[in-house]
Protein backbone atom coordinates (compact mmCIF):
# COMPACT_ATOMS: atom_id res chain seq x y z
CA UNK A 1 64.92 119.37 103.14
CA UNK A 2 61.25 120.12 102.42
CA UNK A 3 58.71 117.34 102.20
CA UNK A 4 55.74 119.38 101.01
CA UNK A 5 53.55 117.33 98.73
CA UNK A 6 55.03 114.03 99.90
CA UNK A 7 52.79 111.32 101.26
CA UNK A 8 52.48 110.84 105.00
CA UNK A 9 54.05 107.85 106.68
CA UNK A 10 51.44 105.46 108.14
CA UNK A 11 52.70 105.18 111.71
CA UNK A 12 50.18 103.10 113.61
CA UNK A 13 47.70 103.18 110.71
CA UNK A 14 46.50 99.63 110.04
CA UNK A 15 43.31 100.41 108.12
CA UNK A 16 43.78 99.93 104.39
CA UNK A 17 41.03 102.36 103.44
CA UNK A 18 42.51 105.11 105.61
CA UNK A 19 45.93 104.62 104.03
CA UNK A 20 44.55 104.80 100.50
CA UNK A 21 42.08 107.63 101.08
CA UNK A 22 44.13 109.85 103.39
CA UNK A 23 47.34 110.12 101.38
CA UNK A 24 49.65 107.76 103.24
CA UNK A 25 52.62 106.04 101.64
CA UNK A 26 51.68 102.46 100.78
CA UNK A 27 53.94 99.62 99.72
CA UNK A 28 51.82 97.54 97.38
CA UNK A 29 51.15 94.08 98.83
CA UNK A 30 47.94 93.44 96.86
CA UNK A 31 49.51 90.58 94.92
CA UNK A 32 48.83 88.65 98.10
CA UNK A 33 45.18 88.64 97.02
CA UNK A 34 46.10 87.07 93.68
CA UNK A 35 48.16 84.35 95.33
CA UNK A 36 45.46 83.72 97.92
CA UNK A 37 42.73 83.28 95.33
CA UNK A 38 44.84 81.00 93.17
CA UNK A 39 46.15 78.90 96.05
CA UNK A 40 43.72 79.27 98.93
CA UNK A 41 42.66 76.58 101.33
CA UNK A 42 39.44 76.56 103.27
CA UNK A 43 41.21 77.94 106.34
CA UNK A 44 44.50 79.82 105.83
CA UNK A 45 46.75 80.68 108.76
CA UNK A 46 49.68 83.10 108.43
CA UNK A 47 52.14 83.26 111.34
CA UNK A 48 54.57 86.15 111.53
CA UNK A 49 56.26 88.19 114.30
CA UNK A 50 54.46 91.25 115.59
CA UNK A 51 54.68 94.52 113.67
CA UNK A 52 55.20 92.88 110.27
CA UNK A 53 52.01 94.10 108.58
CA UNK A 54 49.57 91.31 109.44
CA UNK A 55 46.73 93.62 110.47
CA UNK A 56 47.12 95.90 107.44
CA UNK A 57 47.01 92.92 105.10
CA UNK A 58 43.85 91.67 106.79
CA UNK A 59 42.29 95.10 106.38
CA UNK A 60 43.31 95.00 102.70
CA UNK A 61 41.53 91.65 102.27
CA UNK A 62 38.40 93.02 103.92
CA UNK A 63 38.36 96.06 101.63
CA UNK A 64 38.80 93.89 98.54
CA UNK A 65 36.18 91.20 99.19
CA UNK A 66 33.51 93.08 101.11
CA UNK A 67 30.14 93.75 99.49
CA UNK A 68 29.61 97.34 98.39
CA UNK A 69 33.31 98.03 98.74
CA UNK A 70 35.28 100.81 97.12
CA UNK A 71 37.02 99.62 93.94
CA UNK A 72 38.86 102.94 93.75
CA UNK A 73 40.99 101.87 96.71
CA UNK A 74 42.77 99.40 94.43
CA UNK A 75 43.21 101.60 91.37
CA UNK A 76 46.83 101.57 90.22
CA UNK A 77 47.75 98.67 92.48
CA UNK A 78 48.97 95.29 91.23
CA UNK A 79 45.71 93.47 91.89
CA UNK A 80 43.91 95.82 89.49
CA UNK A 81 45.86 94.23 86.65
CA UNK A 82 44.10 90.91 87.40
CA UNK A 83 40.81 91.91 85.76
CA UNK A 84 39.21 88.48 85.77
CA UNK A 85 39.90 87.97 89.46
CA UNK A 86 38.65 91.45 90.30
CA UNK A 87 35.41 90.94 88.38
CA UNK A 88 34.80 87.60 90.05
CA UNK A 89 35.80 88.38 93.63
CA UNK A 90 36.09 92.11 94.33
CA UNK A 91 33.13 93.31 96.37
CA UNK A 92 31.34 89.98 96.07
CA UNK A 93 31.21 88.57 99.60
CA UNK A 94 29.89 89.39 103.04
CA UNK A 95 32.97 89.63 105.27
CA UNK A 96 33.24 89.02 109.00
CA UNK A 97 36.44 90.68 110.20
CA UNK A 98 37.55 90.58 113.83
CA UNK A 99 40.80 91.21 115.66
CA UNK A 100 41.49 89.42 118.92
CA UNK A 101 44.44 91.70 119.69
CA UNK A 102 42.51 93.44 122.45
CA UNK A 103 41.29 90.29 124.23
CA UNK A 104 43.87 90.55 126.99
CA UNK A 105 41.99 90.45 130.27
CA UNK A 106 43.73 89.86 133.58
CA UNK A 107 41.15 87.18 134.41
CA UNK A 108 38.86 84.89 132.43
CA UNK A 109 35.63 86.82 133.00
CA UNK A 110 37.21 90.03 131.74
CA UNK A 111 38.72 88.30 128.72
CA UNK A 112 35.41 86.59 127.94
CA UNK A 113 33.61 89.95 128.11
CA UNK A 114 36.20 91.40 125.72
CA UNK A 115 35.59 88.52 123.31
CA UNK A 116 31.84 89.18 123.45
CA UNK A 117 32.51 92.84 122.73
CA UNK A 118 34.70 92.15 119.70
CA UNK A 119 32.17 89.81 118.12
CA UNK A 120 29.15 91.82 119.20
CA UNK A 121 30.49 95.02 117.64
CA UNK A 122 31.19 93.19 114.39
CA UNK A 123 27.64 91.81 114.41
CA UNK A 124 26.30 95.34 114.94
CA UNK A 125 28.04 96.32 111.72
CA UNK A 126 25.56 94.05 109.92
CA UNK A 127 22.43 95.98 111.00
CA UNK A 128 20.76 95.06 107.74
CA UNK A 129 20.02 91.70 109.34
CA UNK A 130 17.66 93.29 111.87
CA UNK A 131 15.00 94.02 109.24
CA UNK A 132 15.90 91.44 106.63
CA UNK A 133 12.88 89.98 104.86
CA UNK A 134 14.91 86.86 104.16
CA UNK A 135 15.37 86.01 107.82
CA UNK A 136 12.71 84.33 109.89
CA UNK A 137 11.70 85.75 113.26
CA UNK A 138 13.66 82.98 114.92
CA UNK A 139 16.77 83.91 112.92
CA UNK A 140 16.32 87.57 113.83
CA UNK A 141 16.17 86.51 117.46
CA UNK A 142 19.50 84.72 116.95
CA UNK A 143 20.93 88.00 115.63
CA UNK A 144 19.51 89.85 118.65
CA UNK A 145 21.36 87.43 120.93
CA UNK A 146 24.64 88.42 119.28
CA UNK A 147 24.04 92.14 119.73
CA UNK A 148 22.17 92.22 123.06
CA UNK A 149 23.69 94.46 125.72
CA UNK A 150 23.14 94.72 129.45
CA UNK A 151 23.33 98.12 131.09
CA UNK A 152 25.05 98.33 134.45
CA UNK A 153 26.82 101.64 134.44
CA UNK A 154 28.10 100.88 130.96
CA UNK A 155 26.90 98.89 127.98
CA UNK A 156 28.39 95.41 127.66
CA UNK A 157 27.49 92.63 125.29
CA UNK A 158 25.69 89.86 127.12
CA UNK A 159 26.09 86.44 125.46
CA UNK A 160 25.68 83.06 127.07
CA UNK A 161 28.49 80.55 126.58
CA UNK A 162 26.48 78.70 123.94
CA UNK A 163 25.77 81.90 122.01
CA UNK A 164 29.37 83.11 122.24
CA UNK A 165 30.91 79.81 121.14
CA UNK A 166 28.56 79.60 118.16
CA UNK A 167 28.59 83.33 117.38
CA UNK A 168 30.81 83.33 114.30
CA UNK A 169 29.03 80.35 112.79
CA UNK A 170 25.63 81.92 113.56
CA UNK A 171 26.60 85.26 112.02
CA UNK A 172 27.95 83.46 108.95
CA UNK A 173 24.68 81.57 108.47
CA UNK A 174 22.57 84.71 108.87
CA UNK A 175 24.67 86.62 106.36
CA UNK A 176 24.46 83.80 103.83
CA UNK A 177 20.70 83.62 104.25
CA UNK A 178 20.35 87.39 103.78
CA UNK A 179 22.73 87.81 100.83
CA UNK A 180 22.60 84.37 99.27
CA UNK A 181 26.40 84.27 99.30
CA UNK A 182 28.89 82.44 101.47
CA UNK A 183 30.99 84.39 103.94
CA UNK A 184 34.70 85.22 104.14
CA UNK A 185 35.94 85.13 107.73
CA UNK A 186 39.02 87.13 108.80
CA UNK A 187 40.47 86.59 112.28
CA UNK A 188 43.49 88.74 113.11
CA UNK A 189 45.89 87.95 116.00
CA UNK A 190 44.05 84.74 116.81
CA UNK A 191 46.54 83.66 119.49
CA UNK A 192 46.67 86.80 121.65
CA UNK A 193 43.87 85.60 124.00
CA UNK A 194 45.79 82.37 124.56
CA UNK A 195 49.03 84.21 125.33
CA UNK A 196 47.32 86.50 127.84
CA UNK A 197 45.44 83.59 129.39
CA UNK A 198 48.67 81.70 129.90
CA UNK A 199 50.29 84.74 131.51
CA UNK A 200 47.36 85.31 133.86
CA UNK A 201 46.42 81.80 134.91
CA UNK A 202 43.20 80.99 133.04
CA UNK A 203 44.65 79.13 130.08
CA UNK A 204 42.43 76.02 130.26
CA UNK A 205 39.25 78.11 130.24
CA UNK A 206 40.40 80.17 127.26
CA UNK A 207 41.50 77.09 125.33
CA UNK A 208 38.01 75.62 125.76
CA UNK A 209 36.37 78.85 124.59
CA UNK A 210 38.64 79.27 121.55
CA UNK A 211 38.41 75.59 120.61
CA UNK A 212 34.61 75.72 120.54
CA UNK A 213 34.46 79.13 118.84
CA UNK A 214 36.89 78.14 116.09
CA UNK A 215 35.57 74.61 115.78
CA UNK A 216 32.07 75.86 114.92
CA UNK A 217 33.27 78.77 112.78
CA UNK A 218 35.93 76.91 110.78
CA UNK A 219 35.11 73.19 110.86
CA UNK A 220 31.31 72.82 110.80
CA UNK A 221 30.41 76.07 109.06
CA UNK A 222 28.54 75.38 105.81
CA UNK A 223 28.27 79.12 105.17
CA UNK A 224 32.03 79.63 104.97
CA UNK A 225 33.64 80.51 101.63
CA UNK A 226 37.09 80.57 103.20
CA UNK A 227 38.84 81.97 106.25
CA UNK A 228 42.13 83.79 106.78
CA UNK A 229 43.78 83.95 110.19
CA UNK A 230 46.95 85.60 111.42
CA UNK A 231 48.98 85.19 114.56
CA UNK A 232 52.44 85.23 116.02
CA UNK A 233 52.75 81.53 116.87
CA UNK A 234 51.55 78.34 115.26
CA UNK A 235 49.60 76.92 118.18
CA UNK A 236 49.43 73.15 118.41
CA UNK A 237 46.56 71.62 116.45
CA UNK A 238 45.69 69.51 119.49
CA UNK A 239 45.24 72.67 121.54
CA UNK A 240 42.52 74.56 119.65
CA UNK A 241 42.32 73.13 116.12
CA UNK A 242 41.26 69.60 117.02
CA UNK A 243 39.75 67.86 114.01
CA UNK A 244 40.32 70.84 111.71
CA UNK A 245 41.67 69.03 108.66
CA UNK A 246 41.22 71.93 106.25
CA UNK A 247 43.87 74.17 107.86
CA UNK A 248 46.57 75.52 105.52
CA UNK A 249 49.47 77.03 107.48
CA UNK A 250 52.06 79.47 106.11
CA UNK A 251 54.82 80.05 108.67
CA UNK A 252 58.05 82.06 108.47
CA UNK A 253 59.82 79.05 106.93
CA UNK A 254 57.29 78.75 104.10
CA UNK A 255 58.16 80.21 100.68
CA UNK A 256 54.47 80.80 99.95
CA UNK A 257 53.42 84.40 100.56
CA UNK A 258 56.91 85.13 101.92
CA UNK A 259 57.25 88.66 100.50
CA UNK A 260 53.91 90.00 101.75
CA UNK A 261 54.84 90.50 105.40
CA UNK A 262 57.73 92.94 105.82
CA UNK A 263 59.51 95.20 103.33
CA UNK A 264 61.99 93.89 100.78
CA UNK A 265 65.23 95.77 100.15
CA UNK A 266 63.93 97.00 96.81
CA UNK A 267 60.80 98.38 98.49
CA UNK A 268 62.85 100.15 101.14
CA UNK A 269 65.20 101.68 98.59
CA UNK A 270 62.26 103.03 96.58
CA UNK A 271 60.80 104.54 99.75
CA UNK A 272 64.12 106.17 100.63
CA UNK A 273 64.41 107.56 97.12
CA UNK A 274 60.87 108.97 97.33
CA UNK A 275 61.76 110.88 100.50
CA UNK A 276 65.30 111.75 99.42
CA UNK A 277 66.92 109.74 102.20
CA UNK A 278 69.03 107.33 100.14
CA UNK A 279 72.13 108.01 102.27
CA UNK A 280 70.45 106.28 105.23
CA UNK A 281 70.06 102.96 103.42
CA UNK A 282 73.05 101.20 104.95
CA UNK A 283 72.15 102.27 108.51
CA UNK A 284 68.58 101.10 108.04
CA UNK A 285 69.79 97.81 106.58
CA UNK A 286 72.11 97.10 109.51
CA UNK A 287 69.48 97.96 112.11
CA UNK A 288 66.19 96.72 110.68
CA UNK A 289 66.86 94.21 107.87
CA UNK A 290 67.96 90.60 108.16
CA UNK A 291 64.71 88.71 108.75
CA UNK A 292 64.48 85.67 106.49
CA UNK A 293 60.95 84.51 105.67
CA UNK A 294 60.67 81.61 103.25
CA UNK A 295 63.09 82.51 100.48
CA UNK A 296 63.29 86.31 100.91
CA UNK A 297 65.02 88.73 103.28
CA UNK A 298 62.81 91.46 104.70
CA UNK A 299 62.96 94.51 106.93
CA UNK A 300 60.67 95.09 109.89
CA UNK A 301 58.16 97.60 108.44
CA UNK A 302 57.36 99.22 111.79
CA UNK A 303 61.03 100.09 112.34
CA UNK A 304 61.53 101.45 108.84
CA UNK A 305 58.46 103.68 108.94
CA UNK A 306 59.19 105.02 112.43
CA UNK A 307 62.82 105.79 111.64
CA UNK A 308 62.01 107.44 108.31
CA UNK A 309 59.49 109.65 110.07
CA UNK A 310 62.24 110.89 112.38
CA UNK A 311 64.76 111.23 109.54
CA UNK A 312 62.39 113.49 107.62
CA UNK A 313 62.74 116.05 110.42
CA UNK A 314 66.35 115.31 111.34
CA UNK A 315 68.52 113.62 108.67
CA UNK A 316 71.22 113.06 111.31
CA UNK A 317 68.94 111.19 113.73
CA UNK A 318 70.35 107.96 115.09
CA UNK A 319 68.36 104.70 114.77
CA UNK A 320 66.35 103.51 117.74
CA UNK A 321 64.78 100.24 118.84
CA UNK A 322 61.21 100.91 117.75
CA UNK A 323 60.14 97.26 117.40
CA UNK A 324 61.61 96.16 120.70
CA UNK A 325 60.00 99.07 122.54
CA UNK A 326 56.52 97.73 121.69
CA UNK A 327 57.03 94.65 123.88
CA UNK A 328 58.61 93.64 127.15
CA UNK A 329 60.95 91.18 125.40
CA UNK A 330 60.22 88.72 128.17
CA UNK A 331 61.20 85.74 126.04
CA UNK A 332 64.81 86.95 125.75
CA UNK A 333 65.00 87.44 129.52
CA UNK A 334 63.71 83.92 130.12
CA UNK A 335 66.21 82.54 127.62
CA UNK A 336 69.21 84.25 129.18
CA UNK A 337 68.16 83.00 132.59
CA UNK A 338 68.86 79.49 131.25
CA UNK A 339 72.60 80.22 131.21
CA UNK A 340 73.22 77.90 134.13
CA UNK A 341 73.99 75.53 131.28
CA UNK A 342 77.48 76.18 129.98
CA UNK A 343 76.32 75.13 126.50
CA UNK A 344 73.56 77.74 126.40
CA UNK A 345 75.96 80.43 127.56
CA UNK A 346 78.41 79.64 124.77
CA UNK A 347 75.58 79.57 122.23
CA UNK A 348 74.38 83.00 123.30
CA UNK A 349 77.95 84.27 122.99
CA UNK A 350 78.08 82.88 119.45
CA UNK A 351 74.84 84.60 118.50
CA UNK A 352 75.81 87.98 119.91
CA UNK A 353 79.13 87.70 118.08
CA UNK A 354 77.21 87.42 114.79
CA UNK A 355 77.66 83.68 114.32
CA UNK A 356 75.17 80.89 113.64
CA UNK A 357 73.70 78.34 116.00
CA UNK A 358 72.03 75.22 114.60
CA UNK A 359 68.91 74.04 116.42
CA UNK A 360 65.94 71.78 115.83
CA UNK A 361 62.83 73.94 115.81
CA UNK A 362 59.36 72.92 116.95
CA UNK A 363 56.92 75.26 115.23
CA UNK A 364 53.83 73.71 116.79
CA UNK A 365 53.60 74.20 120.56
CA UNK A 366 50.95 74.97 123.12
CA UNK A 367 51.41 78.08 125.23
CA UNK A 368 51.80 75.87 128.26
CA UNK A 369 54.88 74.30 126.63
CA UNK A 370 56.64 77.50 125.55
CA UNK A 371 58.99 77.75 128.52
CA UNK A 372 59.08 74.09 129.55
CA UNK A 373 62.59 73.63 128.19
CA UNK A 374 65.39 75.64 126.67
CA UNK A 375 64.78 73.72 123.43
CA UNK A 376 61.25 75.12 123.28
CA UNK A 377 62.52 78.62 124.03
CA UNK A 378 64.84 78.39 121.00
CA UNK A 379 61.73 77.66 118.92
CA UNK A 380 59.81 80.61 120.36
CA UNK A 381 62.72 83.01 119.77
CA UNK A 382 62.76 81.88 116.15
CA UNK A 383 59.01 82.18 115.57
CA UNK A 384 58.71 85.58 117.24
CA UNK A 385 61.52 87.23 115.25
CA UNK A 386 64.32 87.43 117.81
CA UNK A 387 66.25 84.91 115.74
CA UNK A 388 66.03 84.22 112.03
CA UNK A 389 67.28 81.57 109.64
CA UNK A 390 70.30 81.50 107.38
CA UNK A 391 70.67 79.11 104.48
CA UNK A 392 68.39 76.20 103.62
CA UNK A 393 66.87 74.32 106.58
CA UNK A 394 67.77 70.67 107.03
CA UNK A 395 64.33 69.42 107.96
CA UNK A 396 63.52 70.95 111.32
CA UNK A 397 67.19 71.81 111.92
CA UNK A 398 67.73 75.48 111.20
CA UNK A 399 70.83 77.65 111.21
CA UNK A 400 69.83 80.68 113.24
CA UNK A 401 71.32 84.14 113.76
CA UNK A 402 70.33 87.41 115.37
CA UNK A 403 68.85 89.35 112.42
CA UNK A 404 70.16 92.88 113.00
CA UNK A 405 71.61 95.44 115.39
CA UNK A 406 68.26 96.30 116.96
CA UNK A 407 67.66 92.73 118.10
CA UNK A 408 71.29 92.32 119.08
CA UNK A 409 70.91 95.30 121.39
CA UNK A 410 67.94 93.59 123.05
CA UNK A 411 70.12 90.57 123.83
CA UNK A 412 72.96 92.72 125.15
CA UNK A 413 70.61 94.78 127.33
CA UNK A 414 69.00 91.66 128.75
CA UNK A 415 72.43 90.13 129.37
CA UNK A 416 73.45 93.20 131.36
CA UNK A 417 70.24 93.15 133.39
CA UNK A 418 70.62 89.43 134.07
CA UNK A 419 74.22 89.93 135.16
CA UNK A 420 73.31 92.74 137.52
CA UNK A 421 70.53 90.66 139.11
CA UNK A 422 72.85 87.72 139.66
CA UNK A 423 75.73 89.88 140.91
CA UNK A 424 73.53 91.56 143.51
CA UNK A 425 72.71 88.19 145.07
CA UNK A 426 76.20 88.19 146.61
CA UNK A 427 76.16 91.56 148.31
CA UNK A 428 79.28 90.90 150.37
CA UNK A 429 81.46 90.31 147.31
CA UNK A 430 79.90 93.22 145.45
CA UNK A 431 80.43 95.54 148.39
CA UNK A 432 84.10 94.54 148.54
CA UNK A 433 84.45 95.25 144.80
CA UNK A 434 83.03 98.76 145.18
CA UNK A 435 85.18 99.40 148.25
CA UNK A 436 88.29 98.54 146.23
CA UNK A 437 87.52 101.56 144.02
CA UNK A 438 87.18 103.77 147.08
CA UNK A 439 90.48 102.53 148.54
CA UNK A 440 92.41 102.81 145.29
CA UNK A 441 93.18 99.08 145.17
CA UNK A 442 93.68 98.56 141.42
CA UNK A 443 94.91 95.00 141.89
CA UNK A 444 91.75 93.94 143.77
CA UNK A 445 89.54 95.66 141.19
CA UNK A 446 91.33 93.85 138.35
CA UNK A 447 91.03 90.48 140.05
CA UNK A 448 87.36 90.82 140.96
CA UNK A 449 86.27 92.42 137.65
CA UNK A 450 87.97 89.59 135.75
CA UNK A 451 86.02 87.13 137.89
CA UNK A 452 82.78 88.94 137.10
CA UNK A 453 83.58 88.83 133.37
CA UNK A 454 84.18 85.09 133.58
CA UNK A 455 80.75 84.65 135.14
CA UNK A 456 78.81 86.68 132.60
CA UNK A 457 78.11 86.13 128.92
CA UNK A 458 80.97 87.33 126.79
CA UNK A 459 80.29 89.89 124.08
CA UNK A 460 82.77 88.85 121.40
CA UNK A 461 81.90 91.16 118.56
CA UNK A 462 82.91 90.31 115.05
CA UNK A 463 80.96 92.95 113.16
CA UNK A 464 80.61 96.15 115.20
CA UNK A 465 82.96 99.00 115.82
CA UNK A 466 85.20 99.20 118.84
CA UNK A 467 83.17 101.88 120.63
CA UNK A 468 80.17 99.60 120.92
CA UNK A 469 82.34 96.86 122.38
CA UNK A 470 83.41 99.26 125.10
CA UNK A 471 79.78 100.03 125.87
CA UNK A 472 79.16 96.52 127.13
CA UNK A 473 81.97 96.63 129.71
CA UNK A 474 80.96 100.15 130.61
CA UNK A 475 77.42 98.87 131.27
CA UNK A 476 78.61 96.01 133.48
CA UNK A 477 80.81 98.28 135.56
CA UNK A 478 78.12 100.92 135.90
CA UNK A 479 75.64 98.35 137.15
CA UNK A 480 78.09 97.04 139.75
CA UNK A 481 79.00 100.47 141.12
CA UNK A 482 75.31 101.44 141.33
CA UNK A 483 75.08 98.93 144.19
CA UNK A 484 76.40 101.69 146.46
CA UNK A 485 73.18 103.67 146.82
CA UNK A 486 74.85 106.37 148.93
CA UNK A 487 77.38 107.12 146.18
CA UNK A 488 76.69 109.52 143.35
CA UNK A 489 77.31 107.52 140.16
CA UNK A 490 76.94 109.08 136.69
CA UNK A 491 77.39 107.70 133.20
CA UNK A 492 78.52 109.83 130.25
CA UNK A 493 78.24 113.01 132.27
CA UNK A 494 79.49 116.18 130.63
CA UNK A 495 82.73 117.19 132.24
CA UNK A 496 85.61 119.33 131.05
CA UNK A 497 85.88 119.01 127.27
CA UNK A 498 83.79 115.87 126.82
CA UNK A 499 81.69 113.16 128.37
CA UNK A 500 83.36 110.84 130.85
CA UNK A 501 82.49 107.13 130.96
CA UNK A 502 81.77 106.98 134.70
CA UNK A 503 82.10 109.55 137.47
CA UNK A 504 81.63 108.75 141.17
CA UNK A 505 81.27 111.15 144.10
CA UNK A 506 81.49 109.97 147.72
CA UNK A 507 80.39 113.11 149.53
CA UNK A 508 81.17 112.22 153.14
CA UNK A 509 84.80 111.56 152.20
CA UNK A 510 85.07 114.32 149.56
CA UNK A 511 86.33 111.59 147.24
CA UNK A 512 85.83 111.66 143.48
CA UNK A 513 86.47 108.83 141.03
CA UNK A 514 86.84 109.12 137.23
CA UNK A 515 86.75 105.91 135.17
CA UNK A 516 87.44 105.47 131.46
CA UNK A 517 86.84 102.07 129.85
CA UNK A 518 88.60 100.86 126.70
CA UNK A 519 88.33 97.73 124.59
CA UNK A 520 91.73 96.35 123.69
CA UNK A 521 93.33 93.27 122.25
CA UNK A 522 94.94 90.42 124.10
CA UNK A 523 98.46 91.89 123.98
CA UNK A 524 97.81 95.62 124.41
CA UNK A 525 95.67 96.01 127.53
CA UNK A 526 98.43 97.96 129.27
CA UNK A 527 98.61 100.42 126.39
CA UNK A 528 94.82 100.86 126.35
CA UNK A 529 94.84 101.63 130.08
CA UNK A 530 97.38 104.35 129.47
CA UNK A 531 95.21 105.78 126.68
CA UNK A 532 92.22 105.80 129.01
CA UNK A 533 94.13 107.66 131.72
CA UNK A 534 95.49 110.13 129.20
CA UNK A 535 91.96 110.78 127.90
CA UNK A 536 90.77 111.59 131.42
CA UNK A 537 93.55 114.16 131.68
CA UNK A 538 93.27 115.59 128.15
CA UNK A 539 89.49 115.94 128.32
CA UNK A 540 89.59 117.33 131.88
CA UNK A 541 87.00 114.85 133.10
CA UNK A 542 87.85 115.50 136.75
CA UNK A 543 86.98 119.21 136.61
CA UNK A 544 83.35 118.65 137.56
CA UNK A 545 84.45 116.53 140.53
CA UNK A 546 86.58 119.36 141.87
CA UNK A 547 83.78 121.86 141.23
CA UNK A 548 81.54 119.64 143.37
CA UNK A 549 84.01 119.85 146.27
CA UNK A 550 85.84 116.55 145.88
CA UNK A 551 89.28 117.03 147.46
CA UNK A 552 90.74 113.63 146.61
CA UNK A 553 90.53 112.32 143.02
CA UNK A 554 91.18 108.76 141.78
CA UNK A 555 91.56 108.17 138.03
CA UNK A 556 91.10 104.63 136.71
CA UNK A 557 91.95 103.42 133.25
CA UNK A 558 90.33 100.03 132.58
CA UNK A 559 90.97 97.97 129.46
CA UNK A 560 89.00 94.82 128.61
CA UNK A 561 89.34 92.03 126.09
CA UNK A 562 86.77 89.24 126.09
CA UNK A 563 86.88 87.99 129.70
CA UNK A 564 90.13 89.66 130.72
CA UNK A 565 90.78 93.11 132.07
CA UNK A 566 93.64 95.37 133.18
CA UNK A 567 93.24 98.24 135.67
CA UNK A 568 95.61 101.18 136.24
CA UNK A 569 95.27 103.96 138.78
CA UNK A 570 96.52 107.54 139.08
CA UNK A 571 95.80 109.37 142.31
CA UNK A 572 95.67 113.15 142.27
């Protein structure tokens, strides 16, 4: 299908002006401006998971409010229908706009230098202050302190602690003096420096810096019209917002502004219709929808845009985990490592099966507290988008589910990795398990594999097809057999007339092993084993083993149901 004349998809484009001027597809979120102006507080904080359009919305706000802006960017958009608001606010304010996304140093000095760079570059954007007739020489000197650089192989902004901590307030005051108008302050990804500081061991120093920077910019700033901040987590007020009584917080549980971060189903369907990809709606819904913010369900916009871009070239392309691939998903790993508690293990099993778990959520934490307890980890999973709500919350008690197949796959993958790490701690038992395959001891394999299944987190699927259920058991078995580093172990290798589940070659014994895994029901494991063995024969999976010189061939049919398994062997 040709897409000539169609708008480009804005993959990685977070600048509103670029999207509007360069012909990218844009889902109109400008009604956010209307709601903000009619309901704004002095300091407005929006918390949402990553990749849900926070940065683009901040860029939109900058383009709307900034002096000498481009009104044409908003032509035909919903905000343009609000003529009175546009006349009063569009292009009427000096705007300070910074993103702290890049303040991620491995030590405090590096992170501090990055912070100086972010603010210094924004100050340089206001070069009109250098020669302003409305600023005194002393005020111009204050501006010079914000933009001063030291040269030592490369240019770096050189601010003292006092200058840095007061930089946003100072810049606000200078802009008000020059323009005679109060300033709008936009701070995107405000909590990234705190997250990186916690990870790298300089949290207390960064908290002190942020507390002073924000305190002066947001609490004692007489030049501030209003501020908008975004972040992933709602950091405890006592941590960095001490004494800030004018903070208005809109989290993922808040109905205010709920439709402005993420794509609604109606917006996704219109996009699919525009590109002629309506047939992919159900796949996209299963994989990328399911997040519940306030009172609306939304899709992850990053996933939708990335997948549509691939579908435009290949309408048969399978969905991928685009959102999860932009992060290490460390929080899920930490959570699964808490499965020493039988309760947590059963709760994870419920979630992966598509069921709800009810938990009390703490939305206000410090980064130091995030992993202090499994209760706090539940809260972090919820706030960062790995879990989402269903139904109406009962106070802080929320019914939570895994939102979609993409996130479910993250849990399953982390479960497999956790299982393999724990299994490898007992090398003697694992070695005996692998040796049972070599010796053709089906009974020992069945006994030990059942024991392994009892020790791991069960994948009791209630909403996915049988083939995906088999994948989990396939993954467990593959990870266990990979313990034998001197064996050749392949997964889904082309052989004969298809792709076998697992093939093993033990060269020094000229021994080949073909394994087919099936998911059965409680009363038909024997039958499923027979089907697996028959498939190995019908599809000629052992051909490649013989071609590689394997003289002795063992064929295993393995059927699993929850935490039970049956193993049958045919020796050629």
